[in-house]
Structure formats: C-alpha cells, structure tokens
Amino acid sequence: MKKVLLGIAMLAMIVGCTKYASQEQLDELQAREDAVTSLKEEVKDMQTEKASLIDEKADKEATIEELETEISNLEKGL
C-alpha cells in the first residue's frame, strides 16, 4: 500500500512538473509573440518614417534645382 501511495505521489509530482514546464513554455511563447508584434509595429513605424524622409528629400532636391537654376540665370545676367 505504501508503495502504491509513493508511486501515486511520484506520478503526481511528475505530472505537476510537466504542467509547470508546459506553462513555462507557454509563457516563453507568449513573450516571443509579444516581441514579434512589437517589432512588427516598429518596422511599420520605420517604414512610415522612411516614406516621409523620402518625400522630404525630394522636396529639398527640387529646392536645390530651383536655386541652381536661379544662380545660373543670375550668372548669365552678369
């Protein structure tokens, strides 16, 4: 009888440890999923910022061209 109870107790401990390990794995998986979600949001924000910087660059290049044309016209007038 003692051996049966000891066996049941050991089995309960093994099952308990397995559940703990499984919960630990689930927690790790959730943490990784949260990290992936966060990184995806960061990438989206960076893509938006990149698009904005590309537009700003195009505007500045257009301004530079206008100024270069104006300088060229002024030099021709001298």
Protein backbone atom coordinates (compact mmCIF):
# COMPACT_ATOMS: atom_id res chain seq x y z
CA MET A 1 0.00 0.00 0.00
CA LYS A 2 2.85 2.37 0.87
CA LYS A 3 4.48 1.63 -2.48
CA VAL A 4 1.24 2.42 -4.29
CA LEU A 5 0.86 5.72 -2.42
CA LEU A 6 4.51 6.55 -3.04
CA GLY A 7 4.03 5.72 -6.72
CA ILE A 8 0.94 7.92 -6.91
CA ALA A 9 2.79 10.74 -5.15
CA MET A 10 5.71 10.46 -7.57
CA LEU A 11 3.34 10.38 -10.53
CA ALA A 12 1.57 13.48 -9.21
CA MET A 13 4.92 15.28 -8.87
CA ILE A 14 5.90 14.33 -12.42
CA VAL A 15 2.57 15.49 -13.80
CA GLY A 16 2.84 18.70 -11.78
CA CYS A 17 6.35 19.35 -13.09
CA THR A 18 5.20 18.66 -16.62
CA LYS A 19 2.37 21.14 -16.25
CA TYR A 20 4.81 23.69 -14.82
CA ALA A 21 7.21 23.17 -17.67
CA SER A 22 4.37 23.45 -20.16
CA GLN A 23 3.18 26.70 -18.57
CA GLU A 24 6.75 28.00 -18.62
CA GLN A 25 6.95 27.14 -22.30
CA LEU A 26 3.62 28.86 -22.94
CA ASP A 27 4.84 31.95 -21.12
CA GLU A 28 8.03 31.96 -23.21
CA LEU A 29 6.00 31.54 -26.39
CA GLN A 30 3.73 34.43 -25.39
CA ALA A 31 6.75 36.60 -24.65
CA ARG A 32 8.20 35.82 -28.06
CA GLU A 33 4.89 36.52 -29.78
CA ASP A 34 4.70 39.86 -27.95
CA ALA A 35 8.25 40.66 -29.07
CA VAL A 36 7.37 39.83 -32.68
CA THR A 37 4.27 42.02 -32.52
CA SER A 38 6.31 44.86 -31.08
CA LEU A 39 8.97 44.50 -33.76
CA LYS A 40 6.32 44.47 -36.50
CA GLU A 41 4.91 47.73 -35.13
CA GLU A 42 8.41 49.20 -35.01
CA VAL A 43 9.04 48.17 -38.63
CA LYS A 44 5.72 49.75 -39.68
CA ASP A 45 6.66 52.99 -37.91
CA MET A 46 10.09 52.96 -39.56
CA GLN A 47 8.53 52.41 -43.00
CA THR A 48 6.25 55.38 -42.43
CA GLU A 49 9.21 57.49 -41.31
CA LYS A 50 11.22 56.33 -44.34
CA ALA A 51 8.42 57.37 -46.71
CA SER A 52 8.26 60.75 -45.01
CA LEU A 53 12.03 61.22 -45.31
CA ILE A 54 11.93 60.24 -48.99
CA ASP A 55 9.26 62.91 -49.58
CA GLU A 56 11.32 65.46 -47.64
CA LYS A 57 14.42 64.56 -49.67
CA ALA A 58 12.51 65.01 -52.93
CA ASP A 59 11.28 68.44 -51.78
CA LYS A 60 14.81 69.51 -50.84
CA GLU A 61 16.22 68.25 -54.14
CA ALA A 62 13.57 70.27 -56.00
CA THR A 63 14.52 73.36 -53.97
CA ILE A 64 18.19 72.78 -54.78
CA GLU A 65 17.39 72.53 -58.50
CA GLU A 66 15.39 75.77 -58.34
CA LEU A 67 18.24 77.54 -56.56
CA GLU A 68 20.81 76.19 -59.02
CA THR A 69 18.67 77.42 -61.91
CA GLU A 70 18.33 80.82 -60.26
CA ILE A 71 22.10 81.01 -59.68
CA SER A 72 22.74 80.03 -63.30
CA ASN A 73 20.33 82.71 -64.54
CA LEU A 74 21.97 85.31 -62.29
CA GLU A 75 25.43 84.35 -63.56
CA LYS A 76 24.22 84.67 -67.16
CA GLY A 77 22.91 88.13 -66.36
CA LEU A 78 26.31 89.35 -65.13
